[in-house]
């Protein structure tokens, strides 16, 4: 599965964001089941950034948030992400996908 968390970052906060994002990427990369994790920047809109991570399975991604070090590295940054669904998988793996209500 793939997790994509997007961020709108002002030029004034870019240095802090990059440092925080590097810590989050390192935390993900060191987690069991993480195949890759990287910070990327949009080619057309320089204020739009994303952390893209690939996982063996969704449970690995969810477990990556366990423990105090993970929470310290991930939650403050990811709480600033654009509010949108972030988990993706191949259509055959997803099956019937019903939107959440409420």
Protein backbone atom coordinates (compact mmCIF):
# COMPACT_ATOMS: atom_id res chain seq x y z
CA UNK A 1 0.00 0.00 0.00
CA UNK A 2 1.00 3.60 -0.49
CA UNK A 3 0.48 6.49 1.92
CA UNK A 4 0.60 10.02 0.54
CA UNK A 5 0.37 12.94 2.95
CA UNK A 6 0.34 16.34 1.24
CA UNK A 7 1.29 19.65 2.83
CA UNK A 8 0.86 23.31 1.86
CA UNK A 9 4.07 24.96 3.09
CA UNK A 10 4.79 28.68 3.14
CA UNK A 11 8.26 29.88 2.19
CA UNK A 12 8.66 31.22 5.75
CA UNK A 13 8.07 27.78 7.28
CA UNK A 14 9.94 25.74 4.66
CA UNK A 15 13.16 25.18 6.64
CA UNK A 16 11.28 23.99 9.74
CA UNK A 17 8.97 21.84 7.63
CA UNK A 18 11.89 20.18 5.84
CA UNK A 19 13.58 19.33 9.14
CA UNK A 20 10.36 17.94 10.62
CA UNK A 21 9.60 16.02 7.42
CA UNK A 22 13.11 14.52 7.37
CA UNK A 23 12.53 13.21 10.90
CA UNK A 24 9.17 11.75 9.88
CA UNK A 25 10.64 10.10 6.78
CA UNK A 26 13.44 8.59 8.89
CA UNK A 27 10.88 7.31 11.40
CA UNK A 28 8.83 5.68 8.65
CA UNK A 29 11.93 4.25 6.93
CA UNK A 30 12.99 2.55 10.15
CA UNK A 31 9.60 0.96 10.71
CA UNK A 32 8.90 -2.71 10.05
CA UNK A 33 7.22 -3.23 6.71
CA UNK A 34 8.25 0.12 5.22
CA UNK A 35 9.52 -0.43 1.69
CA UNK A 36 10.38 3.22 1.07
CA UNK A 37 9.68 6.71 2.37
CA UNK A 38 10.56 10.04 0.82
CA UNK A 39 9.81 13.73 0.88
CA UNK A 40 8.83 15.15 -2.51
CA UNK A 41 7.95 18.61 -3.80
CA UNK A 42 5.39 19.43 -6.48
CA UNK A 43 6.91 20.43 -9.82
CA UNK A 44 4.26 23.03 -10.65
CA UNK A 45 3.32 24.40 -7.22
CA UNK A 46 6.43 24.90 -5.06
CA UNK A 47 4.43 25.31 -1.85
CA UNK A 48 2.96 21.80 -2.22
CA UNK A 49 5.01 19.00 -0.63
CA UNK A 50 4.25 15.35 0.14
CA UNK A 51 5.59 12.47 2.16
CA UNK A 52 5.16 9.30 0.10
CA UNK A 53 5.69 5.94 1.75
CA UNK A 54 5.23 2.38 0.49
CA UNK A 55 4.37 -0.47 2.82
CA UNK A 56 4.14 -4.24 2.64
CA UNK A 57 0.62 -4.00 4.08
CA UNK A 58 -1.68 -1.44 5.68
CA UNK A 59 -1.13 -2.92 9.14
CA UNK A 60 2.57 -2.08 8.91
CA UNK A 61 1.72 1.55 8.18
CA UNK A 62 -0.69 1.72 11.10
CA UNK A 63 1.82 0.11 13.48
CA UNK A 64 4.43 2.68 12.44
CA UNK A 65 2.56 5.15 14.67
CA UNK A 66 3.01 3.00 17.81
CA UNK A 67 5.29 4.17 20.59
CA UNK A 68 6.39 7.51 21.94
CA UNK A 69 9.27 8.15 19.48
CA UNK A 70 6.93 7.55 16.53
CA UNK A 71 4.24 9.79 17.95
CA UNK A 72 6.78 12.56 18.62
CA UNK A 73 8.16 12.41 15.06
CA UNK A 74 4.94 11.82 13.14
CA UNK A 75 1.85 13.27 14.80
CA UNK A 76 2.86 16.96 15.05
CA UNK A 77 3.84 17.02 11.38
CA UNK A 78 1.03 14.87 9.97
CA UNK A 79 -1.55 16.94 11.84
CA UNK A 80 -0.56 19.76 9.46
CA UNK A 81 -1.23 17.68 6.34
CA UNK A 82 -3.98 18.62 3.92
CA UNK A 83 -7.17 16.97 5.22
CA UNK A 84 -7.80 14.23 2.67
CA UNK A 85 -7.63 10.44 2.52
CA UNK A 86 -4.01 9.34 2.27
CA UNK A 87 -3.94 5.52 1.91
CA UNK A 88 -3.92 3.88 -1.53
CA UNK A 89 -3.67 0.33 -2.83
CA UNK A 90 -4.05 -1.48 -6.13
CA UNK A 91 -7.74 -1.71 -7.16
CA UNK A 92 -7.73 -5.51 -6.88
CA UNK A 93 -6.51 -5.23 -3.29
CA UNK A 94 -9.15 -2.68 -2.29
CA UNK A 95 -12.24 -4.55 -3.49
CA UNK A 96 -15.60 -2.83 -3.00
CA UNK A 97 -14.80 0.61 -1.65
CA UNK A 98 -17.72 2.40 -0.03
CA UNK A 99 -17.26 6.06 0.97
CA UNK A 100 -17.38 6.81 4.67
CA UNK A 101 -20.44 8.73 5.81
CA UNK A 102 -20.22 11.43 8.46
